[in-house]
């Protein structure tokens, strides 16, 4: 892919994806179960950050006025195994989509209603 076809000319090197929440403690518990570990770090008293891969991060931030409207999708290499692991931690997927041939996406919703999805794209 040419840099002309990539947003920002390919200069973006790290991705921080934020999800506004209303209650840090309730969201911390839920996201730890979803992601399978405690946060990687806390930058301050209203944010928690998880590394999901090199140069890719998810964070929750207490902003009650914006909570509940986020949509986040993480494309995974072994979606079926990930579903089993997340279900074993007590989180069920509420919805599934097959948006295109060889594409599957499952979604769950955090305590505020933010949609967190996991997907697979078969080549």
N, C-alpha and C. Protein backbone atom coordinates (compact mmCIF):
# COMPACT_ATOMS: atom_id res chain seq x y z
N UNK A 1 0.84 -1.17 0.00
CA UNK A 1 0.00 0.00 0.00
C UNK A 1 0.89 1.24 0.00
N UNK A 2 0.59 2.16 -0.87
CA UNK A 2 1.35 3.40 -0.99
C UNK A 2 0.97 4.36 0.14
N UNK A 3 1.90 5.20 0.56
CA UNK A 3 1.60 6.18 1.61
C UNK A 3 0.48 7.13 1.21
N UNK A 4 0.27 7.35 -0.10
CA UNK A 4 -0.84 8.20 -0.55
C UNK A 4 -2.19 7.57 -0.21
N UNK A 5 -2.22 6.25 -0.03
CA UNK A 5 -3.46 5.53 0.27
C UNK A 5 -3.68 5.36 1.77
N UNK A 6 -2.76 5.86 2.58
CA UNK A 6 -2.81 5.68 4.03
C UNK A 6 -3.04 7.03 4.70
N UNK A 7 -3.96 7.05 5.65
CA UNK A 7 -4.23 8.29 6.39
C UNK A 7 -2.95 8.83 7.01
N UNK A 8 -2.84 10.11 7.03
CA UNK A 8 -1.68 10.82 7.59
C UNK A 8 -0.38 10.46 6.88
N UNK A 9 -0.50 9.92 5.69
CA UNK A 9 0.70 9.56 4.93
C UNK A 9 1.52 8.47 5.59
N UNK A 10 0.90 7.68 6.47
CA UNK A 10 1.61 6.60 7.14
C UNK A 10 2.47 7.04 8.30
N UNK A 11 2.32 8.29 8.74
CA UNK A 11 3.17 8.79 9.82
C UNK A 11 2.69 8.41 11.21
N UNK A 12 1.48 7.90 11.35
CA UNK A 12 1.00 7.47 12.67
C UNK A 12 1.74 6.22 13.11
N UNK A 13 2.37 6.26 14.25
CA UNK A 13 3.22 5.14 14.69
C UNK A 13 2.70 4.42 15.92
N UNK A 14 1.83 5.04 16.69
CA UNK A 14 1.23 4.44 17.87
C UNK A 14 -0.26 4.70 17.79
N UNK A 15 -1.09 3.80 18.34
CA UNK A 15 -2.52 4.01 18.38
C UNK A 15 -3.02 3.86 19.80
N UNK A 16 -3.62 4.93 20.32
CA UNK A 16 -4.30 4.92 21.61
C UNK A 16 -5.77 5.10 21.31
N UNK A 17 -6.57 4.12 21.66
CA UNK A 17 -8.01 4.18 21.42
C UNK A 17 -8.71 4.31 22.76
N UNK A 18 -9.44 5.41 22.95
CA UNK A 18 -10.07 5.69 24.23
C UNK A 18 -11.54 5.37 24.27
N UNK A 19 -11.99 4.92 25.44
CA UNK A 19 -13.39 4.61 25.68
C UNK A 19 -13.85 5.37 26.92
N UNK A 20 -14.75 6.36 26.77
CA UNK A 20 -15.26 7.07 27.93
C UNK A 20 -16.18 6.20 28.77
N UNK A 21 -16.01 6.25 30.08
CA UNK A 21 -16.82 5.48 31.01
C UNK A 21 -17.32 6.41 32.12
N UNK A 22 -18.33 5.95 32.85
CA UNK A 22 -18.88 6.79 33.92
C UNK A 22 -18.32 6.46 35.29
N UNK A 23 -17.86 5.22 35.48
CA UNK A 23 -17.41 4.78 36.80
C UNK A 23 -16.12 3.99 36.63
N UNK A 24 -15.03 4.52 37.14
CA UNK A 24 -13.73 3.87 36.94
C UNK A 24 -13.68 2.49 37.57
N UNK A 25 -14.11 2.36 38.80
CA UNK A 25 -13.99 1.07 39.50
C UNK A 25 -14.80 -0.03 38.80
N UNK A 26 -16.05 0.24 38.47
CA UNK A 26 -16.88 -0.76 37.78
C UNK A 26 -16.30 -1.10 36.42
N UNK A 27 -15.82 -0.09 35.71
CA UNK A 27 -15.25 -0.34 34.39
C UNK A 27 -13.93 -1.09 34.48
N UNK A 28 -13.10 -0.77 35.48
CA UNK A 28 -11.84 -1.50 35.67
C UNK A 28 -12.10 -3.00 35.82
N UNK A 29 -13.05 -3.34 36.67
CA UNK A 29 -13.36 -4.75 36.89
C UNK A 29 -13.81 -5.42 35.59
N UNK A 30 -14.69 -4.76 34.86
CA UNK A 30 -15.22 -5.34 33.63
C UNK A 30 -14.13 -5.49 32.57
N UNK A 31 -13.33 -4.45 32.34
CA UNK A 31 -12.29 -4.49 31.31
C UNK A 31 -11.17 -5.47 31.67
N UNK A 32 -10.87 -5.63 32.96
CA UNK A 32 -9.88 -6.63 33.35
C UNK A 32 -10.38 -8.03 33.00
N UNK A 33 -11.67 -8.28 33.22
CA UNK A 33 -12.23 -9.59 32.83
C UNK A 33 -12.21 -9.74 31.31
N UNK A 34 -12.61 -8.72 30.60
CA UNK A 34 -12.63 -8.77 29.14
C UNK A 34 -11.24 -9.02 28.57
N UNK A 35 -10.28 -8.24 29.02
CA UNK A 35 -8.94 -8.27 28.44
C UNK A 35 -8.01 -9.29 29.08
N UNK A 36 -8.41 -9.84 30.22
CA UNK A 36 -7.65 -10.93 30.83
C UNK A 36 -6.46 -10.51 31.66
N UNK A 37 -6.36 -9.23 32.00
CA UNK A 37 -5.22 -8.79 32.82
C UNK A 37 -5.53 -7.40 33.39
N UNK A 38 -4.77 -7.01 34.41
CA UNK A 38 -4.92 -5.65 34.92
C UNK A 38 -4.35 -4.64 33.91
N UNK A 39 -4.65 -3.37 34.08
CA UNK A 39 -4.10 -2.36 33.18
C UNK A 39 -2.57 -2.38 33.16
N UNK A 40 -2.04 -2.00 32.03
CA UNK A 40 -0.59 -1.89 31.88
C UNK A 40 -0.06 -0.74 32.73
N UNK A 41 -0.83 0.36 32.76
CA UNK A 41 -0.48 1.48 33.62
C UNK A 41 -1.68 2.41 33.79
N UNK A 42 -1.56 3.27 34.81
CA UNK A 42 -2.54 4.30 35.11
C UNK A 42 -1.85 5.65 34.92
N UNK A 43 -2.16 6.41 33.88
CA UNK A 43 -1.48 7.69 33.69
C UNK A 43 -1.92 8.76 34.70
N UNK A 44 -3.11 8.59 35.27
CA UNK A 44 -3.63 9.52 36.26
C UNK A 44 -4.78 8.84 37.00
N UNK A 45 -5.52 9.58 37.81
CA UNK A 45 -6.56 8.94 38.63
C UNK A 45 -7.89 8.74 37.91
N UNK A 46 -7.97 9.05 36.62
CA UNK A 46 -9.22 8.82 35.89
C UNK A 46 -9.04 8.04 34.59
N UNK A 47 -7.85 7.44 34.41
CA UNK A 47 -7.58 6.65 33.21
C UNK A 47 -6.86 5.35 33.56
N UNK A 48 -7.13 4.33 32.75
CA UNK A 48 -6.40 3.06 32.84
C UNK A 48 -6.10 2.62 31.42
N UNK A 49 -4.88 2.13 31.19
CA UNK A 49 -4.40 1.81 29.84
C UNK A 49 -3.95 0.35 29.77
N UNK A 50 -4.37 -0.33 28.70
CA UNK A 50 -3.94 -1.70 28.41
C UNK A 50 -3.20 -1.71 27.08
N UNK A 51 -2.03 -2.34 27.05
CA UNK A 51 -1.34 -2.61 25.78
C UNK A 51 -1.97 -3.87 25.19
N UNK A 52 -2.41 -3.80 23.93
CA UNK A 52 -2.98 -5.00 23.31
C UNK A 52 -2.02 -5.61 22.28
N UNK A 53 -1.00 -4.87 21.90
CA UNK A 53 0.06 -5.34 21.00
C UNK A 53 1.09 -4.22 20.94
N UNK A 54 2.20 -4.46 20.28
CA UNK A 54 3.20 -3.40 20.13
C UNK A 54 2.55 -2.20 19.47
N UNK A 55 2.72 -1.07 20.07
CA UNK A 55 2.26 0.21 19.53
C UNK A 55 0.74 0.36 19.45
N UNK A 56 0.01 -0.49 20.17
CA UNK A 56 -1.46 -0.44 20.16
C UNK A 56 -1.97 -0.53 21.59
N UNK A 57 -2.80 0.44 21.97
CA UNK A 57 -3.27 0.59 23.34
C UNK A 57 -4.75 0.88 23.37
N UNK A 58 -5.42 0.41 24.41
CA UNK A 58 -6.81 0.77 24.69
C UNK A 58 -6.81 1.43 26.06
N UNK A 59 -7.56 2.50 26.20
CA UNK A 59 -7.67 3.10 27.53
C UNK A 59 -9.12 3.46 27.82
N UNK A 60 -9.45 3.40 29.09
CA UNK A 60 -10.73 3.91 29.56
C UNK A 60 -10.45 5.22 30.28
N UNK A 61 -11.41 6.14 30.15
CA UNK A 61 -11.26 7.45 30.78
C UNK A 61 -12.61 7.84 31.37
N UNK A 62 -12.58 8.31 32.60
CA UNK A 62 -13.82 8.72 33.25
C UNK A 62 -14.26 10.05 32.64
N UNK A 63 -15.31 9.98 31.85
CA UNK A 63 -15.97 11.14 31.24
C UNK A 63 -17.45 10.78 31.12
N UNK A 64 -18.19 10.84 32.23
CA UNK A 64 -19.59 10.39 32.25
C UNK A 64 -20.46 11.01 31.16
N UNK A 65 -20.20 12.25 30.82
CA UNK A 65 -21.02 12.91 29.82
C UNK A 65 -20.87 12.31 28.42
N UNK A 66 -19.79 11.58 28.17
CA UNK A 66 -19.54 10.96 26.86
C UNK A 66 -19.64 9.44 26.90
N UNK A 67 -19.83 8.86 28.07
CA UNK A 67 -19.83 7.40 28.21
C UNK A 67 -20.99 6.76 27.45
N UNK A 68 -20.72 5.59 26.88
CA UNK A 68 -21.77 4.79 26.28
C UNK A 68 -21.88 4.86 24.78
N UNK A 69 -21.15 5.72 24.12
CA UNK A 69 -21.30 5.87 22.67
C UNK A 69 -20.16 5.34 21.84
N UNK A 70 -19.18 4.70 22.45
CA UNK A 70 -18.01 4.24 21.71
C UNK A 70 -18.26 2.91 21.00
N UNK A 71 -17.58 2.76 19.88
CA UNK A 71 -17.55 1.50 19.14
C UNK A 71 -16.08 1.19 18.87
N UNK A 72 -15.63 0.04 19.34
CA UNK A 72 -14.23 -0.35 19.21
C UNK A 72 -14.20 -1.78 18.69
N UNK A 73 -13.41 -2.05 17.67
CA UNK A 73 -13.27 -3.42 17.15
C UNK A 73 -11.80 -3.76 17.06
N UNK A 74 -11.44 -4.92 17.60
CA UNK A 74 -10.08 -5.43 17.56
C UNK A 74 -10.08 -6.66 16.66
N UNK A 75 -9.29 -6.64 15.60
CA UNK A 75 -9.18 -7.79 14.71
C UNK A 75 -8.13 -8.73 15.31
N UNK A 76 -8.51 -10.02 15.44
CA UNK A 76 -7.69 -11.00 16.16
C UNK A 76 -7.22 -12.11 15.24
N UNK A 77 -6.18 -12.80 15.67
CA UNK A 77 -5.66 -13.91 14.88
C UNK A 77 -6.34 -15.24 15.20
N UNK A 78 -6.94 -15.40 16.35
CA UNK A 78 -7.65 -16.65 16.70
C UNK A 78 -8.93 -16.28 17.44
N UNK A 79 -9.90 -15.80 16.70
CA UNK A 79 -11.13 -15.28 17.30
C UNK A 79 -11.86 -16.35 18.11
N UNK A 80 -11.94 -17.56 17.60
CA UNK A 80 -12.70 -18.60 18.29
C UNK A 80 -12.11 -18.90 19.66
N UNK A 81 -10.80 -19.00 19.77
CA UNK A 81 -10.16 -19.25 21.06
C UNK A 81 -10.34 -18.06 21.99
N UNK A 82 -10.26 -16.86 21.45
CA UNK A 82 -10.45 -15.67 22.26
C UNK A 82 -11.87 -15.63 22.84
N UNK A 83 -12.87 -16.01 22.06
CA UNK A 83 -14.25 -16.06 22.54
C UNK A 83 -14.36 -17.02 23.72
N UNK A 84 -13.75 -18.19 23.60
CA UNK A 84 -13.78 -19.18 24.69
C UNK A 84 -13.15 -18.59 25.95
N UNK A 85 -12.00 -17.94 25.82
CA UNK A 85 -11.30 -17.38 26.97
C UNK A 85 -12.11 -16.27 27.64
N UNK A 86 -12.70 -15.39 26.84
CA UNK A 86 -13.47 -14.29 27.40
C UNK A 86 -14.75 -14.81 28.06
N UNK A 87 -15.41 -15.77 27.43
CA UNK A 87 -16.59 -16.38 28.04
C UNK A 87 -16.24 -17.02 29.38
N UNK A 88 -15.08 -17.65 29.48
CA UNK A 88 -14.65 -18.29 30.72
C UNK A 88 -14.43 -17.27 31.84
N UNK A 89 -14.18 -16.02 31.46
CA UNK A 89 -14.01 -14.95 32.46
C UNK A 89 -15.34 -14.27 32.79
N UNK A 90 -16.45 -14.82 32.28
CA UNK A 90 -17.77 -14.34 32.67
C UNK A 90 -18.36 -13.25 31.79
N UNK A 91 -17.81 -13.05 30.61
CA UNK A 91 -18.37 -12.05 29.70
C UNK A 91 -18.89 -12.77 28.46
N UNK A 92 -20.16 -12.54 28.17
CA UNK A 92 -20.80 -13.16 27.01
C UNK A 92 -20.90 -12.13 25.89
N UNK A 93 -20.88 -12.62 24.69
CA UNK A 93 -21.05 -11.76 23.52
C UNK A 93 -22.54 -11.67 23.22
N UNK A 94 -23.02 -10.43 23.06
CA UNK A 94 -24.44 -10.16 22.88
C UNK A 94 -24.88 -10.16 21.44
N UNK A 95 -23.95 -10.01 20.53
CA UNK A 95 -24.29 -9.81 19.14
C UNK A 95 -23.20 -10.39 18.25
N UNK A 96 -23.57 -10.80 17.04
CA UNK A 96 -22.59 -11.28 16.07
C UNK A 96 -22.98 -10.75 14.70
N UNK A 97 -21.99 -10.43 13.89
CA UNK A 97 -22.21 -9.99 12.52
C UNK A 97 -21.30 -10.77 11.59
N UNK A 98 -21.77 -10.96 10.38
CA UNK A 98 -20.97 -11.49 9.29
C UNK A 98 -21.04 -10.45 8.17
N UNK A 99 -20.28 -9.33 8.32
CA UNK A 99 -20.47 -8.19 7.43
C UNK A 99 -20.00 -8.39 5.99
N UNK A 100 -19.18 -9.38 5.76
CA UNK A 100 -18.69 -9.67 4.41
C UNK A 100 -18.22 -11.12 4.38
N UNK A 101 -17.98 -11.61 3.19
CA UNK A 101 -17.47 -12.98 3.06
C UNK A 101 -16.14 -13.10 3.81
N UNK A 102 -16.01 -14.16 4.60
CA UNK A 102 -14.80 -14.44 5.37
C UNK A 102 -14.53 -13.44 6.49
N UNK A 103 -15.56 -12.73 6.95
CA UNK A 103 -15.41 -11.77 8.04
C UNK A 103 -16.44 -12.11 9.11
N UNK A 104 -15.99 -12.17 10.34
CA UNK A 104 -16.87 -12.41 11.49
C UNK A 104 -16.54 -11.41 12.58
N UNK A 105 -17.59 -10.89 13.23
CA UNK A 105 -17.40 -9.95 14.33
C UNK A 105 -18.38 -10.30 15.43
N UNK A 106 -17.88 -10.35 16.68
CA UNK A 106 -18.73 -10.53 17.85
C UNK A 106 -18.59 -9.30 18.74
N UNK A 107 -19.70 -8.94 19.41
CA UNK A 107 -19.69 -7.73 20.20
C UNK A 107 -20.25 -7.99 21.60
N UNK A 108 -19.72 -7.24 22.55
CA UNK A 108 -20.26 -7.20 23.90
C UNK A 108 -20.31 -5.73 24.30
N UNK A 109 -20.94 -5.46 25.43
CA UNK A 109 -21.15 -4.08 25.84
C UNK A 109 -20.71 -3.90 27.28
N UNK A 110 -19.91 -2.86 27.51
CA UNK A 110 -19.42 -2.59 28.86
C UNK A 110 -20.56 -2.03 29.72
N UNK A 111 -20.31 -1.78 31.00
CA UNK A 111 -21.39 -1.31 31.89
C UNK A 111 -22.07 -0.01 31.43
N UNK A 112 -21.41 0.79 30.60
CA UNK A 112 -22.00 2.02 30.10
C UNK A 112 -22.69 1.85 28.75
N UNK A 113 -22.52 0.70 28.13
CA UNK A 113 -23.11 0.47 26.81
C UNK A 113 -22.16 0.68 25.65
N UNK A 114 -20.87 0.94 25.92
CA UNK A 114 -19.89 1.02 24.84
C UNK A 114 -19.76 -0.34 24.18
N UNK A 115 -19.75 -0.36 22.85
CA UNK A 115 -19.62 -1.62 22.11
C UNK A 115 -18.15 -1.97 21.93
N UNK A 116 -17.78 -3.15 22.40
CA UNK A 116 -16.43 -3.66 22.21
C UNK A 116 -16.55 -4.91 21.36
N UNK A 117 -15.94 -4.89 20.20
CA UNK A 117 -16.04 -6.00 19.27
C UNK A 117 -14.70 -6.64 19.01
N UNK A 118 -14.77 -7.90 18.63
CA UNK A 118 -13.59 -8.65 18.22
C UNK A 118 -13.92 -9.29 16.88
N UNK A 119 -12.97 -9.24 15.96
CA UNK A 119 -13.26 -9.73 14.64
C UNK A 119 -12.17 -10.62 14.08
N UNK A 120 -12.54 -11.24 12.97
CA UNK A 120 -11.62 -12.12 12.23
C UNK A 120 -11.85 -11.85 10.75
N UNK A 121 -10.77 -11.72 10.01
CA UNK A 121 -10.84 -11.60 8.57
C UNK A 121 -9.98 -12.71 8.00
N UNK A 122 -10.64 -13.67 7.34
CA UNK A 122 -9.90 -14.77 6.71
C UNK A 122 -9.44 -14.35 5.33
N UNK A 123 -8.20 -14.65 5.04
CA UNK A 123 -7.64 -14.30 3.71
C UNK A 123 -7.82 -15.41 2.73
